[in-house]
Amino acid sequence: MKTIIYHNPKCTKSRLTLAILEQKGIDFEVINYLETPPSVAELTALLAALKLEARALMRTFEAPYKDNHLDDKSLSEAALIQAMVEYPILIERPIVKTDQGVAIGRPPENILAII
C-alpha cells in the first residue's frame, strides 16, 4: 500500500497524524506541501476523493484568503483550486492518501479509516 501525507511540520495536527502513521508501522512518503504544493490535477483528484468542493478544503483565516478576496462566492472551483496551488498555506492539513482512500487528519484519528 502506498501512503502519502501532505504535511506541514509546523502544524500540531499534522505532526500527530504523522506520529499515528509511524506508530502503525506504515511506510509512507512525506510531502511538505508548503515547499512542494500539489498540482492543479493532484489537488483536483484529492478533492474528488474527499468528495469536497475546493472551498471546504480552504483555510479561510489565512492572510492569502483575505488578501485575494477568495470569499467571493462567484469564484469558480478552478479559481479556488488555482489559489490553493499558488498559496498552499490555504490547504487544510494534513491530508493522507492511501490505496483505501483519502482523509484529512482533523482530528488525526480520521486517518485510521484508510490505513
PDB file of N, CA and C in Angstrom:
ATOM      1  N   MET A   1       0.848  -1.175   0.000  1.00  0.00           N
ATOM      2  CA  MET A   1       0.000   0.000   0.000  1.00  0.00           C
ATOM      3  C   MET A   1       0.894   1.239   0.000  1.00  0.00           C
ATOM      4  N   LYS A   2       0.616   2.147  -0.910  1.00  0.00           N
ATOM      5  CA  LYS A   2       1.362   3.406  -0.965  1.00  0.00           C
ATOM      6  C   LYS A   2       0.600   4.449  -0.155  1.00  0.00           C
ATOM      7  N   THR A   3       1.299   5.079   0.754  1.00  0.00           N
ATOM      8  CA  THR A   3       0.696   6.103   1.608  1.00  0.00           C
ATOM      9  C   THR A   3       1.476   7.390   1.461  1.00  0.00           C
ATOM     10  N   ILE A   4       0.746   8.482   1.311  1.00  0.00           N
ATOM     11  CA  ILE A   4       1.341   9.815   1.190  1.00  0.00           C
ATOM     12  C   ILE A   4       0.683  10.704   2.229  1.00  0.00           C
ATOM     13  N   ILE A   5       1.491  11.509   2.901  1.00  0.00           N
ATOM     14  CA  ILE A   5       0.953  12.532   3.793  1.00  0.00           C
ATOM     15  C   ILE A   5       1.408  13.894   3.290  1.00  0.00           C
ATOM     16  N   TYR A   6       0.432  14.752   3.052  1.00  0.00           N
ATOM     17  CA  TYR A   6       0.717  16.147   2.730  1.00  0.00           C
ATOM     18  C   TYR A   6       0.839  16.837   4.077  1.00  0.00           C
ATOM     19  N   HIS A   7       2.065  17.212   4.413  1.00  0.00           N
ATOM     20  CA  HIS A   7       2.447  17.537   5.779  1.00  0.00           C
ATOM     21  C   HIS A   7       2.976  18.957   5.899  1.00  0.00           C
ATOM     22  N   ASN A   8       2.634  19.580   7.039  1.00  0.00           N
ATOM     23  CA  ASN A   8       3.229  20.854   7.425  1.00  0.00           C
ATOM     24  C   ASN A   8       3.882  20.621   8.782  1.00  0.00           C
ATOM     25  N   PRO A   9       5.211  20.577   8.855  1.00  0.00           N
ATOM     26  CA  PRO A   9       5.878  20.251  10.113  1.00  0.00           C
ATOM     27  C   PRO A   9       5.603  21.240  11.243  1.00  0.00           C
ATOM     28  N   LYS A  10       5.100  22.430  10.940  1.00  0.00           N
ATOM     29  CA  LYS A  10       4.781  23.405  11.990  1.00  0.00           C
ATOM     30  C   LYS A  10       3.392  23.182  12.588  1.00  0.00           C
ATOM     31  N   CYS A  11       2.604  22.317  11.982  1.00  0.00           N
ATOM     32  CA  CYS A  11       1.217  22.094  12.397  1.00  0.00           C
ATOM     33  C   CYS A  11       1.120  20.926  13.384  1.00  0.00           C
ATOM     34  N   THR A  12       0.523  21.172  14.531  1.00  0.00           N
ATOM     35  CA  THR A  12       0.383  20.137  15.554  1.00  0.00           C
ATOM     36  C   THR A  12      -0.414  18.948  15.036  1.00  0.00           C
ATOM     37  N   LYS A  13      -1.544  19.191  14.382  1.00  0.00           N
ATOM     38  CA  LYS A  13      -2.381  18.090  13.864  1.00  0.00           C
ATOM     39  C   LYS A  13      -1.611  17.284  12.829  1.00  0.00           C
ATOM     40  N   SER A  14      -0.817  17.944  12.038  1.00  0.00           N
ATOM     41  CA  SER A  14      -0.027  17.263  11.027  1.00  0.00           C
ATOM     42  C   SER A  14       1.032  16.373  11.691  1.00  0.00           C
ATOM     43  N   ARG A  15       1.682  16.895  12.722  1.00  0.00           N
ATOM     44  CA  ARG A  15       2.689  16.090  13.443  1.00  0.00           C
ATOM     45  C   ARG A  15       2.042  14.902  14.146  1.00  0.00           C
ATOM     46  N   LEU A  16       0.861  15.093  14.721  1.00  0.00           N
ATOM     47  CA  LEU A  16       0.164  13.989  15.386  1.00  0.00           C
ATOM     48  C   LEU A  16      -0.270  12.918  14.382  1.00  0.00           C
ATOM     49  N   THR A  17      -0.702  13.351  13.219  1.00  0.00           N
ATOM     50  CA  THR A  17      -1.089  12.405  12.168  1.00  0.00           C
ATOM     51  C   THR A  17       0.121  11.611  11.696  1.00  0.00           C
ATOM     52  N   LEU A  18       1.231  12.288  11.512  1.00  0.00           N
ATOM     53  CA  LEU A  18       2.479  11.619  11.136  1.00  0.00           C
ATOM     54  C   LEU A  18       2.858  10.586  12.189  1.00  0.00           C
ATOM     55  N   ALA A  19       2.692  10.922  13.454  1.00  0.00           N
ATOM     56  CA  ALA A  19       3.015  10.004  14.548  1.00  0.00           C
ATOM     57  C   ALA A  19       2.132   8.749  14.497  1.00  0.00           C
ATOM     58  N   ILE A  20       0.868   8.912  14.136  1.00  0.00           N
ATOM     59  CA  ILE A  20      -0.019   7.744  14.007  1.00  0.00           C
ATOM     60  C   ILE A  20       0.504   6.813  12.926  1.00  0.00           C
ATOM     61  N   LEU A  21       0.886   7.362  11.789  1.00  0.00           N
ATOM     62  CA  LEU A  21       1.434   6.537  10.709  1.00  0.00           C
ATOM     63  C   LEU A  21       2.677   5.784  11.177  1.00  0.00           C
ATOM     64  N   GLU A  22       3.547   6.479  11.904  1.00  0.00           N
ATOM     65  CA  GLU A  22       4.760   5.845  12.418  1.00  0.00           C
ATOM     66  C   GLU A  22       4.422   4.755  13.426  1.00  0.00           C
ATOM     67  N   GLN A  23       3.503   5.037  14.351  1.00  0.00           N
ATOM     68  CA  GLN A  23       3.118   4.055  15.375  1.00  0.00           C
ATOM     69  C   GLN A  23       2.505   2.807  14.761  1.00  0.00           C
ATOM     70  N   LYS A  24       1.792   2.971  13.654  1.00  0.00           N
ATOM     71  CA  LYS A  24       1.151   1.836  12.980  1.00  0.00           C
ATOM     72  C   LYS A  24       2.118   1.091  12.059  1.00  0.00           C
ATOM     73  N   GLY A  25       3.343   1.587  11.971  1.00  0.00           N
ATOM     74  CA  GLY A  25       4.345   0.922  11.134  1.00  0.00           C
ATOM     75  C   GLY A  25       4.075   1.064   9.647  1.00  0.00           C
ATOM     76  N   ILE A  26       3.402   2.120   9.263  1.00  0.00           N
ATOM     77  CA  ILE A  26       3.060   2.364   7.862  1.00  0.00           C
ATOM     78  C   ILE A  26       4.271   2.970   7.151  1.00  0.00           C
ATOM     79  N   ASP A  27       4.578   2.438   5.990  1.00  0.00           N
ATOM     80  CA  ASP A  27       5.610   3.021   5.142  1.00  0.00           C
ATOM     81  C   ASP A  27       4.941   4.151   4.355  1.00  0.00           C
ATOM     82  N   PHE A  28       5.459   5.365   4.466  1.00  0.00           N
ATOM     83  CA  PHE A  28       4.790   6.489   3.835  1.00  0.00           C
ATOM     84  C   PHE A  28       5.787   7.482   3.275  1.00  0.00           C
ATOM     85  N   GLU A  29       5.275   8.273   2.349  1.00  0.00           N
ATOM     86  CA  GLU A  29       6.038   9.366   1.752  1.00  0.00           C
ATOM     87  C   GLU A  29       5.516  10.671   2.342  1.00  0.00           C
ATOM     88  N   VAL A  30       6.420  11.541   2.732  1.00  0.00           N
ATOM     89  CA  VAL A  30       6.047  12.848   3.270  1.00  0.00           C
ATOM     90  C   VAL A  30       6.237  13.898   2.189  1.00  0.00           C
ATOM     91  N   ILE A  31       5.178  14.641   1.934  1.00  0.00           N
ATOM     92  CA  ILE A  31       5.273  15.772   1.020  1.00  0.00           C
ATOM     93  C   ILE A  31       5.025  17.024   1.847  1.00  0.00           C
ATOM     94  N   ASN A  32       6.060  17.840   1.974  1.00  0.00           N
ATOM     95  CA  ASN A  32       5.902  19.126   2.643  1.00  0.00           C
ATOM     96  C   ASN A  32       5.245  20.038   1.614  1.00  0.00           C
ATOM     97  N   TYR A  33       3.924  20.095   1.679  1.00  0.00           N
ATOM     98  CA  TYR A  33       3.168  20.754   0.617  1.00  0.00           C
ATOM     99  C   TYR A  33       3.394  22.268   0.561  1.00  0.00           C
ATOM    100  N   LEU A  34       3.967  22.860   1.611  1.00  0.00           N
ATOM    101  CA  LEU A  34       4.286  24.292   1.531  1.00  0.00           C
ATOM    102  C   LEU A  34       5.482  24.527   0.613  1.00  0.00           C
ATOM    103  N   GLU A  35       6.393  23.558   0.565  1.00  0.00           N
ATOM    104  CA  GLU A  35       7.562  23.651  -0.314  1.00  0.00           C
ATOM    105  C   GLU A  35       7.282  23.050  -1.683  1.00  0.00           C
ATOM    106  N   THR A  36       6.465  22.001  -1.710  1.00  0.00           N
ATOM    107  CA  THR A  36       6.129  21.301  -2.945  1.00  0.00           C
ATOM    108  C   THR A  36       4.610  21.169  -3.020  1.00  0.00           C
ATOM    109  N   PRO A  37       3.926  22.232  -3.444  1.00  0.00           N
ATOM    110  CA  PRO A  37       2.463  22.170  -3.477  1.00  0.00           C
ATOM    111  C   PRO A  37       1.966  21.175  -4.511  1.00  0.00           C
ATOM    112  N   PRO A  38       0.795  20.604  -4.256  1.00  0.00           N
ATOM    113  CA  PRO A  38       0.228  19.712  -5.276  1.00  0.00           C
ATOM    114  C   PRO A  38      -0.120  20.518  -6.526  1.00  0.00           C
ATOM    115  N   SER A  39      -0.122  19.845  -7.650  1.00  0.00           N
ATOM    116  CA  SER A  39      -0.515  20.490  -8.902  1.00  0.00           C
ATOM    117  C   SER A  39      -2.038  20.647  -8.917  1.00  0.00           C
ATOM    118  N   VAL A  40      -2.522  21.368  -9.901  1.00  0.00           N
ATOM    119  CA  VAL A  40      -3.965  21.510 -10.059  1.00  0.00           C
ATOM    120  C   VAL A  40      -4.598  20.130 -10.207  1.00  0.00           C
ATOM    121  N   ALA A  41      -3.989  19.268 -11.014  1.00  0.00           N
ATOM    122  CA  ALA A  41      -4.535  17.920 -11.228  1.00  0.00           C
ATOM    123  C   ALA A  41      -4.529  17.108  -9.925  1.00  0.00           C
ATOM    124  N   GLU A  42      -3.430  17.166  -9.176  1.00  0.00           N
ATOM    125  CA  GLU A  42      -3.354  16.432  -7.915  1.00  0.00           C
ATOM    126  C   GLU A  42      -4.395  16.926  -6.920  1.00  0.00           C
ATOM    127  N   LEU A  43      -4.520  18.232  -6.808  1.00  0.00           N
ATOM    128  CA  LEU A  43      -5.467  18.806  -5.858  1.00  0.00           C
ATOM    129  C   LEU A  43      -6.901  18.489  -6.279  1.00  0.00           C
ATOM    130  N   THR A  44      -7.170  18.531  -7.561  1.00  0.00           N
ATOM    131  CA  THR A  44      -8.498  18.177  -8.064  1.00  0.00           C
ATOM    132  C   THR A  44      -8.822  16.727  -7.731  1.00  0.00           C
ATOM    133  N   ALA A  45      -7.835  15.835  -7.887  1.00  0.00           N
ATOM    134  CA  ALA A  45      -8.046  14.420  -7.570  1.00  0.00           C
ATOM    135  C   ALA A  45      -8.262  14.219  -6.071  1.00  0.00           C
ATOM    136  N   LEU A  46      -7.506  14.934  -5.243  1.00  0.00           N
ATOM    137  CA  LEU A  46      -7.693  14.826  -3.791  1.00  0.00           C
ATOM    138  C   LEU A  46      -9.093  15.295  -3.399  1.00  0.00           C
ATOM    139  N   LEU A  47      -9.528  16.408  -3.958  1.00  0.00           N
ATOM    140  CA  LEU A  47     -10.872  16.916  -3.663  1.00  0.00           C
ATOM    141  C   LEU A  47     -11.943  15.917  -4.077  1.00  0.00           C
ATOM    142  N   ALA A  48     -11.765  15.308  -5.242  1.00  0.00           N
ATOM    143  CA  ALA A  48     -12.736  14.312  -5.707  1.00  0.00           C
ATOM    144  C   ALA A  48     -12.783  13.116  -4.751  1.00  0.00           C
ATOM    145  N   ALA A  49     -11.614  12.655  -4.329  1.00  0.00           N
ATOM    146  CA  ALA A  49     -11.558  11.508  -3.412  1.00  0.00           C
ATOM    147  C   ALA A  49     -12.166  11.859  -2.056  1.00  0.00           C
ATOM    148  N   LEU A  50     -11.986  13.111  -1.631  1.00  0.00           N
ATOM    149  CA  LEU A  50     -12.554  13.568  -0.363  1.00  0.00           C
ATOM    150  C   LEU A  50     -14.036  13.913  -0.482  1.00  0.00           C
ATOM    151  N   LYS A  51     -14.519  13.995  -1.742  1.00  0.00           N
ATOM    152  CA  LYS A  51     -15.900  14.402  -2.020  1.00  0.00           C
ATOM    153  C   LYS A  51     -16.185  15.790  -1.439  1.00  0.00           C
ATOM    154  N   LEU A  52     -15.234  16.690  -1.674  1.00  0.00           N
ATOM    155  CA  LEU A  52     -15.345  18.057  -1.182  1.00  0.00           C
ATOM    156  C   LEU A  52     -15.220  19.048  -2.327  1.00  0.00           C
ATOM    157  N   GLU A  53     -15.858  20.185  -2.156  1.00  0.00           N
ATOM    158  CA  GLU A  53     -15.614  21.298  -3.048  1.00  0.00           C
ATOM    159  C   GLU A  53     -14.381  22.029  -2.535  1.00  0.00           C
ATOM    160  N   ALA A  54     -13.754  22.788  -3.399  1.00  0.00           N
ATOM    161  CA  ALA A  54     -12.491  23.451  -3.062  1.00  0.00           C
ATOM    162  C   ALA A  54     -12.597  24.305  -1.805  1.00  0.00           C
ATOM    163  N   ARG A  55     -13.649  25.079  -1.693  1.00  0.00           N
ATOM    164  CA  ARG A  55     -13.777  25.984  -0.549  1.00  0.00           C
ATOM    165  C   ARG A  55     -13.770  25.224   0.777  1.00  0.00           C
ATOM    166  N   ALA A  56     -14.278  24.003   0.791  1.00  0.00           N
ATOM    167  CA  ALA A  56     -14.336  23.196   2.017  1.00  0.00           C
ATOM    168  C   ALA A  56     -12.945  22.755   2.479  1.00  0.00           C
ATOM    169  N   LEU A  57     -11.964  22.810   1.596  1.00  0.00           N
ATOM    170  CA  LEU A  57     -10.601  22.409   1.939  1.00  0.00           C
ATOM    171  C   LEU A  57      -9.709  23.625   2.221  1.00  0.00           C
ATOM    172  N   MET A  58     -10.300  24.801   2.178  1.00  0.00           N
ATOM    173  CA  MET A  58      -9.505  26.026   2.336  1.00  0.00           C
ATOM    174  C   MET A  58      -9.483  26.503   3.778  1.00  0.00           C
ATOM    175  N   ARG A  59      -8.328  26.984   4.173  1.00  0.00           N
ATOM    176  CA  ARG A  59      -8.146  27.614   5.476  1.00  0.00           C
ATOM    177  C   ARG A  59      -8.501  29.090   5.302  1.00  0.00           C
ATOM    178  N   THR A  60      -9.723  29.426   5.656  1.00  0.00           N
ATOM    179  CA  THR A  60     -10.281  30.734   5.339  1.00  0.00           C
ATOM    180  C   THR A  60      -9.754  31.871   6.205  1.00  0.00           C
ATOM    181  N   PHE A  61      -9.024  31.547   7.257  1.00  0.00           N
ATOM    182  CA  PHE A  61      -8.497  32.598   8.140  1.00  0.00           C
ATOM    183  C   PHE A  61      -7.068  32.991   7.788  1.00  0.00           C
ATOM    184  N   GLU A  62      -6.482  32.354   6.804  1.00  0.00           N
ATOM    185  CA  GLU A  62      -5.120  32.694   6.387  1.00  0.00           C
ATOM    186  C   GLU A  62      -5.125  33.992   5.578  1.00  0.00           C
ATOM    187  N   ALA A  63      -4.050  34.743   5.678  1.00  0.00           N
ATOM    188  CA  ALA A  63      -3.948  36.041   5.003  1.00  0.00           C
ATOM    189  C   ALA A  63      -4.211  35.969   3.494  1.00  0.00           C
ATOM    190  N   PRO A  64      -3.650  34.997   2.754  1.00  0.00           N
ATOM    191  CA  PRO A  64      -3.909  34.988   1.311  1.00  0.00           C
ATOM    192  C   PRO A  64      -5.394  34.832   0.962  1.00  0.00           C
ATOM    193  N   TYR A  65      -6.162  34.196   1.836  1.00  0.00           N
ATOM    194  CA  TYR A  65      -7.604  34.067   1.590  1.00  0.00           C
ATOM    195  C   TYR A  65      -8.249  35.447   1.600  1.00  0.00           C
ATOM    196  N   LYS A  66      -7.922  36.218   2.611  1.00  0.00           N
ATOM    197  CA  LYS A  66      -8.496  37.563   2.741  1.00  0.00           C
ATOM    198  C   LYS A  66      -7.902  38.514   1.703  1.00  0.00           C
ATOM    199  N   ASP A  67      -6.577  38.465   1.546  1.00  0.00           N
ATOM    200  CA  ASP A  67      -5.890  39.391   0.649  1.00  0.00           C
ATOM    201  C   ASP A  67      -6.330  39.241  -0.810  1.00  0.00           C
ATOM    202  N   ASN A  68      -6.718  38.029  -1.193  1.00  0.00           N
ATOM    203  CA  ASN A  68      -7.105  37.757  -2.575  1.00  0.00           C
ATOM    204  C   ASN A  68      -8.619  37.672  -2.754  1.00  0.00           C
ATOM    205  N   HIS A  69      -9.354  38.080  -1.728  1.00  0.00           N
ATOM    206  CA  HIS A  69     -10.823  38.127  -1.791  1.00  0.00           C
ATOM    207  C   HIS A  69     -11.421  36.781  -2.204  1.00  0.00           C
ATOM    208  N   LEU A  70     -10.869  35.719  -1.644  1.00  0.00           N
ATOM    209  CA  LEU A  70     -11.330  34.385  -2.001  1.00  0.00           C
ATOM    210  C   LEU A  70     -12.669  34.037  -1.371  1.00  0.00           C
ATOM    211  N   ASP A  71     -13.192  34.926  -0.562  1.00  0.00           N
ATOM    212  CA  ASP A  71     -14.532  34.734  -0.001  1.00  0.00           C
ATOM    213  C   ASP A  71     -15.620  35.090  -1.020  1.00  0.00           C
ATOM    214  N   ASP A  72     -15.217  35.593  -2.163  1.00  0.00           N
ATOM    215  CA  ASP A  72     -16.151  35.938  -3.243  1.00  0.00           C
ATOM    216  C   ASP A  72     -16.833  34.661  -3.731  1.00  0.00           C
ATOM    217  N   LYS A  73     -18.123  34.557  -3.488  1.00  0.00           N
ATOM    218  CA  LYS A  73     -18.892  33.341  -3.820  1.00  0.00           C
ATOM    219  C   LYS A  73     -18.996  33.105  -5.328  1.00  0.00           C
ATOM    220  N   SER A  74     -18.675  34.113  -6.127  1.00  0.00           N
ATOM    221  CA  SER A  74     -18.765  33.933  -7.575  1.00  0.00           C
ATOM    222  C   SER A  74     -17.522  33.256  -8.164  1.00  0.00           C
ATOM    223  N   LEU A  75     -16.490  33.057  -7.352  1.00  0.00           N
ATOM    224  CA  LEU A  75     -15.276  32.410  -7.853  1.00  0.00           C
ATOM    225  C   LEU A  75     -15.553  30.946  -8.187  1.00  0.00           C
ATOM    226  N   SER A  76     -14.990  30.497  -9.283  1.00  0.00           N
ATOM    227  CA  SER A  76     -15.190  29.112  -9.729  1.00  0.00           C
ATOM    228  C   SER A  76     -14.323  28.148  -8.930  1.00  0.00           C
ATOM    229  N   GLU A  77     -14.662  26.866  -9.035  1.00  0.00           N
ATOM    230  CA  GLU A  77     -13.837  25.823  -8.425  1.00  0.00           C
ATOM    231  C   GLU A  77     -12.407  25.919  -8.952  1.00  0.00           C
ATOM    232  N   ALA A  78     -12.282  26.118 -10.254  1.00  0.00           N
ATOM    233  CA  ALA A  78     -10.950  26.205 -10.862  1.00  0.00           C
ATOM    234  C   ALA A  78     -10.149  27.359 -10.269  1.00  0.00           C
ATOM    235  N   ALA A  79     -10.797  28.490 -10.044  1.00  0.00           N
ATOM    236  CA  ALA A  79     -10.094  29.642  -9.470  1.00  0.00           C
ATOM    237  C   ALA A  79      -9.660  29.364  -8.034  1.00  0.00           C
ATOM    238  N   LEU A  80     -10.508  28.696  -7.269  1.00  0.00           N
ATOM    239  CA  LEU A  80     -10.164  28.375  -5.881  1.00  0.00           C
ATOM    240  C   LEU A  80      -9.032  27.353  -5.816  1.00  0.00           C
ATOM    241  N   ILE A  81      -9.086  26.358  -6.687  1.00  0.00           N
ATOM    242  CA  ILE A  81      -8.019  25.355  -6.732  1.00  0.00           C
ATOM    243  C   ILE A  81      -6.704  26.016  -7.127  1.00  0.00           C
ATOM    244  N   GLN A  82      -6.747  26.888  -8.118  1.00  0.00           N
ATOM    245  CA  GLN A  82      -5.541  27.605  -8.540  1.00  0.00           C
ATOM    246  C   GLN A  82      -4.977  28.429  -7.387  1.00  0.00           C
ATOM    247  N   ALA A  83      -5.845  29.051  -6.617  1.00  0.00           N
ATOM    248  CA  ALA A  83      -5.390  29.841  -5.464  1.00  0.00           C
ATOM    249  C   ALA A  83      -4.680  28.952  -4.445  1.00  0.00           C
ATOM    250  N   MET A  84      -5.192  27.750  -4.223  1.00  0.00           N
ATOM    251  CA  MET A  84      -4.535  26.837  -3.270  1.00  0.00           C
ATOM    252  C   MET A  84      -3.182  26.363  -3.786  1.00  0.00           C
ATOM    253  N   VAL A  85      -3.061  26.210  -5.086  1.00  0.00           N
ATOM    254  CA  VAL A  85      -1.769  25.829  -5.670  1.00  0.00           C
ATOM    255  C   VAL A  85      -0.783  26.990  -5.519  1.00  0.00           C
ATOM    256  N   GLU A  86      -1.246  28.207  -5.765  1.00  0.00           N
ATOM    257  CA  GLU A  86      -0.379  29.379  -5.652  1.00  0.00           C
ATOM    258  C   GLU A  86      -0.040  29.725  -4.201  1.00  0.00           C
ATOM    259  N   TYR A  87      -0.985  29.481  -3.306  1.00  0.00           N
ATOM    260  CA  TYR A  87      -0.820  29.789  -1.878  1.00  0.00           C
ATOM    261  C   TYR A  87      -1.133  28.526  -1.071  1.00  0.00           C
ATOM    262  N   PRO A  88      -0.205  27.568  -1.042  1.00  0.00           N
ATOM    263  CA  PRO A  88      -0.501  26.284  -0.404  1.00  0.00           C
ATOM    264  C   PRO A  88      -0.845  26.374   1.084  1.00  0.00           C
ATOM    265  N   ILE A  89      -0.522  27.489   1.730  1.00  0.00           N
ATOM    266  CA  ILE A  89      -0.903  27.668   3.136  1.00  0.00           C
ATOM    267  C   ILE A  89      -2.423  27.604   3.281  1.00  0.00           C
ATOM    268  N   LEU A  90      -3.143  27.813   2.198  1.00  0.00           N
ATOM    269  CA  LEU A  90      -4.599  27.770   2.223  1.00  0.00           C
ATOM    270  C   LEU A  90      -5.166  26.351   2.311  1.00  0.00           C
ATOM    271  N   ILE A  91      -4.343  25.352   2.035  1.00  0.00           N
ATOM    272  CA  ILE A  91      -4.826  23.973   2.022  1.00  0.00           C
ATOM    273  C   ILE A  91      -4.907  23.440   3.454  1.00  0.00           C
ATOM    274  N   GLU A  92      -6.080  22.930   3.800  1.00  0.00           N
ATOM    275  CA  GLU A  92      -6.239  22.307   5.113  1.00  0.00           C
ATOM    276  C   GLU A  92      -5.306  21.114   5.196  1.00  0.00           C
ATOM    277  N   ARG A  93      -4.748  20.907   6.371  1.00  0.00           N
ATOM    278  CA  ARG A  93      -3.787  19.820   6.532  1.00  0.00           C
ATOM    279  C   ARG A  93      -4.007  19.110   7.840  1.00  0.00           C
ATOM    280  N   PRO A  94      -3.414  17.945   7.933  1.00  0.00           N
ATOM    281  CA  PRO A  94      -2.729  17.168   6.905  1.00  0.00           C
ATOM    282  C   PRO A  94      -3.728  16.374   6.070  1.00  0.00           C
ATOM    283  N   ILE A  95      -3.321  16.015   4.889  1.00  0.00           N
ATOM    284  CA  ILE A  95      -4.107  15.134   4.032  1.00  0.00           C
ATOM    285  C   ILE A  95      -3.306  13.854   3.886  1.00  0.00           C
ATOM    286  N   VAL A  96      -3.965  12.724   4.106  1.00  0.00           N
ATOM    287  CA  VAL A  96      -3.319  11.424   3.945  1.00  0.00           C
ATOM    288  C   VAL A  96      -4.029  10.682   2.821  1.00  0.00           C
ATOM    289  N   LYS A  97      -3.233  10.144   1.921  1.00  0.00           N
ATOM    290  CA  LYS A  97      -3.754   9.389   0.781  1.00  0.00           C
ATOM    291  C   LYS A  97      -3.193   7.980   0.839  1.00  0.00           C
ATOM    292  N   THR A  98      -4.072   6.989   0.785  1.00  0.00           N
ATOM    293  CA  THR A  98      -3.662   5.584   0.736  1.00  0.00           C
ATOM    294  C   THR A  98      -4.414   4.911  -0.405  1.00  0.00           C
ATOM    295  N   ASP A  99      -4.146   3.635  -0.608  1.00  0.00           N
ATOM    296  CA  ASP A  99      -4.885   2.874  -1.610  1.00  0.00           C
ATOM    297  C   ASP A  99      -6.352   2.728  -1.210  1.00  0.00           C
ATOM    298  N   GLN A 100      -6.644   2.944   0.068  1.00  0.00           N
ATOM    299  CA  GLN A 100      -8.016   2.789   0.566  1.00  0.00           C
ATOM    300  C   GLN A 100      -8.801   4.093   0.593  1.00  0.00           C
ATOM    301  N   GLY A 101      -8.157   5.203   0.263  1.00  0.00           N
ATOM    302  CA  GLY A 101      -8.874   6.467   0.234  1.00  0.00           C
ATOM    303  C   GLY A 101      -8.023   7.642   0.661  1.00  0.00           C
ATOM    304  N   VAL A 102      -8.702   8.749   0.887  1.00  0.00           N
ATOM    305  CA  VAL A 102      -8.055   9.999   1.281  1.00  0.00           C
ATOM    306  C   VAL A 102      -8.811  10.535   2.496  1.00  0.00           C
ATOM    307  N   ALA A 103      -8.060  11.069   3.461  1.00  0.00           N
ATOM    308  CA  ALA A 103      -8.677  11.647   4.657  1.00  0.00           C
ATOM    309  C   ALA A 103      -7.885  12.864   5.109  1.00  0.00           C
ATOM    310  N   ILE A 104      -8.601  13.776   5.741  1.00  0.00           N
ATOM    311  CA  ILE A 104      -7.971  14.927   6.376  1.00  0.00           C
ATOM    312  C   ILE A 104      -7.757  14.565   7.836  1.00  0.00           C
ATOM    313  N   GLY A 105      -6.549  14.759   8.330  1.00  0.00           N
ATOM    314  CA  GLY A 105      -6.209  14.402   9.705  1.00  0.00           C
ATOM    315  C   GLY A 105      -6.660  15.434  10.718  1.00  0.00           C
ATOM    316  N   ARG A 106      -7.907  15.797  10.690  1.00  0.00           N
ATOM    317  CA  ARG A 106      -8.507  16.737  11.652  1.00  0.00           C
ATOM    318  C   ARG A 106      -9.815  16.139  12.119  1.00  0.00           C
ATOM    319  N   PRO A 107      -9.816  15.439  13.214  1.00  0.00           N
ATOM    320  CA  PRO A 107      -8.706  15.119  14.088  1.00  0.00           C
ATOM    321  C   PRO A 107      -7.811  14.044  13.462  1.00  0.00           C
ATOM    322  N   PRO A 108      -6.614  13.869  13.981  1.00  0.00           N
ATOM    323  CA  PRO A 108      -5.674  12.905  13.404  1.00  0.00           C
ATOM    324  C   PRO A 108      -6.255  11.491  13.276  1.00  0.00           C
ATOM    325  N   GLU A 109      -7.140  11.117  14.182  1.00  0.00           N
ATOM    326  CA  GLU A 109      -7.727   9.778  14.151  1.00  0.00           C
ATOM    327  C   GLU A 109      -8.588   9.529  12.909  1.00  0.00           C
ATOM    328  N   ASN A 110      -8.930  10.570  12.192  1.00  0.00           N
ATOM    329  CA  ASN A 110      -9.690  10.401  10.945  1.00  0.00           C
ATOM    330  C   ASN A 110      -8.999   9.470   9.962  1.00  0.00           C
ATOM    331  N   ILE A 111      -7.670   9.438  10.022  1.00  0.00           N
ATOM    332  CA  ILE A 111      -6.939   8.636   9.031  1.00  0.00           C
ATOM    333  C   ILE A 111      -7.015   7.146   9.312  1.00  0.00           C
ATOM    334  N   LEU A 112      -7.435   6.747  10.502  1.00  0.00           N
ATOM    335  CA  LEU A 112      -7.493   5.325  10.848  1.00  0.00           C
ATOM    336  C   LEU A 112      -8.405   4.548   9.908  1.00  0.00           C
ATOM    337  N   ALA A 113      -9.401   5.193   9.356  1.00  0.00           N
ATOM    338  CA  ALA A 113     -10.331   4.520   8.447  1.00  0.00           C
ATOM    339  C   ALA A 113      -9.699   4.136   7.113  1.00  0.00           C
ATOM    340  N   ILE A 114      -8.555   4.741   6.785  1.00  0.00           N
ATOM    341  CA  ILE A 114      -7.961   4.468   5.457  1.00  0.00           C
ATOM    342  C   ILE A 114      -6.583   3.809   5.553  1.00  0.00           C
ATOM    343  N   ILE A 115      -6.138   3.469   6.762  1.00  0.00           N
ATOM    344  CA  ILE A 115      -4.824   2.800   6.869  1.00  0.00           C
ATOM    345  C   ILE A 115      -4.983   1.371   7.345  1.00  0.00           C
TER     346      ILE A 115
END
